[in-house]
């Protein structure tokens, strides 16, 4: 069973790459808004990671080192 089968439909990745060529006919404004949305999502997700306690990480069986590395990334890096 793929890992994605265990995720709820409401979950979203902590970081996703910006695809500048997602639709070549999109206006500059539409692409800029999409990029800002992605950056906001990354910043929010990384803020949430920083707020996790060690008990929560253990309960979710998450690697604290990997989470610390992800949370330390600036919002513009995927």
Protein backbone atom coordinates (compact mmCIF):
# COMPACT_ATOMS: atom_id res chain seq x y z
CA UNK A 1 0.00 0.00 0.00
CA UNK A 2 1.46 3.40 -0.92
CA UNK A 3 2.13 5.84 1.87
CA UNK A 4 -0.34 8.32 0.42
CA UNK A 5 -3.19 5.89 1.15
CA UNK A 6 -2.67 6.57 4.85
CA UNK A 7 -3.15 10.31 4.49
CA UNK A 8 -6.46 12.03 4.87
CA UNK A 9 -7.88 13.99 1.98
CA UNK A 10 -7.47 17.22 3.96
CA UNK A 11 -3.75 16.81 4.54
CA UNK A 12 -1.33 18.70 2.36
CA UNK A 13 2.42 18.53 1.95
CA UNK A 14 4.58 20.72 4.15
CA UNK A 15 6.39 22.09 1.16
CA UNK A 16 5.70 21.87 -2.52
CA UNK A 17 7.75 23.04 -5.42
CA UNK A 18 6.65 26.02 -7.46
CA UNK A 19 6.05 25.09 -11.06
CA UNK A 20 6.56 28.29 -13.03
CA UNK A 21 5.52 26.63 -16.29
CA UNK A 22 2.30 25.19 -14.85
CA UNK A 23 0.28 27.06 -17.46
CA UNK A 24 2.14 29.23 -19.93
CA UNK A 25 -0.90 31.39 -20.72
CA UNK A 26 -1.41 32.48 -17.11
CA UNK A 27 -0.81 36.14 -16.47
CA UNK A 28 2.12 37.35 -14.44
CA UNK A 29 -0.28 38.35 -11.67
CA UNK A 30 -1.84 34.88 -11.50
CA UNK A 31 1.59 33.24 -11.31
CA UNK A 32 2.73 35.73 -8.66
CA UNK A 33 -0.37 35.04 -6.56
CA UNK A 34 0.22 31.29 -6.87
CA UNK A 35 3.82 31.69 -5.75
CA UNK A 36 2.82 33.85 -2.77
CA UNK A 37 0.24 31.24 -1.81
CA UNK A 38 2.87 28.50 -1.87
CA UNK A 39 5.27 30.60 0.20
CA UNK A 40 2.55 31.32 2.76
CA UNK A 41 1.70 27.63 3.00
CA UNK A 42 5.36 26.70 3.54
CA UNK A 43 5.83 29.35 6.21
CA UNK A 44 2.71 28.20 8.02
CA UNK A 45 3.71 24.53 7.86
CA UNK A 46 7.22 25.22 9.11
CA UNK A 47 5.85 27.36 11.94
CA UNK A 48 3.61 24.43 12.91
CA UNK A 49 6.60 22.07 12.89
CA UNK A 50 8.53 24.39 15.21
CA UNK A 51 5.62 24.33 17.67
CA UNK A 52 5.55 20.52 17.96
CA UNK A 53 6.67 19.13 21.30
CA UNK A 54 8.95 16.13 21.57
CA UNK A 55 6.01 14.08 22.88
CA UNK A 56 3.94 14.95 19.81
CA UNK A 57 6.81 13.98 17.52
CA UNK A 58 7.17 10.64 19.30
CA UNK A 59 3.42 10.00 19.15
CA UNK A 60 3.43 10.69 15.41
CA UNK A 61 6.63 8.66 14.94
CA UNK A 62 8.42 11.58 13.27
CA UNK A 63 12.18 12.10 13.03
CA UNK A 64 13.06 15.17 15.12
CA UNK A 65 16.25 15.84 13.15
CA UNK A 66 14.41 15.85 9.82
CA UNK A 67 11.71 18.10 11.26
CA UNK A 68 14.27 20.53 12.64
CA UNK A 69 15.98 20.67 9.25
CA UNK A 70 12.65 21.30 7.48
CA UNK A 71 11.62 24.00 9.96
CA UNK A 72 14.96 25.77 9.53
CA UNK A 73 14.50 26.24 5.78
CA UNK A 74 13.41 29.68 4.57
CA UNK A 75 9.91 29.83 3.10
CA UNK A 76 11.16 30.23 -0.47
CA UNK A 77 13.02 26.87 -0.48
CA UNK A 78 11.10 23.70 -1.28
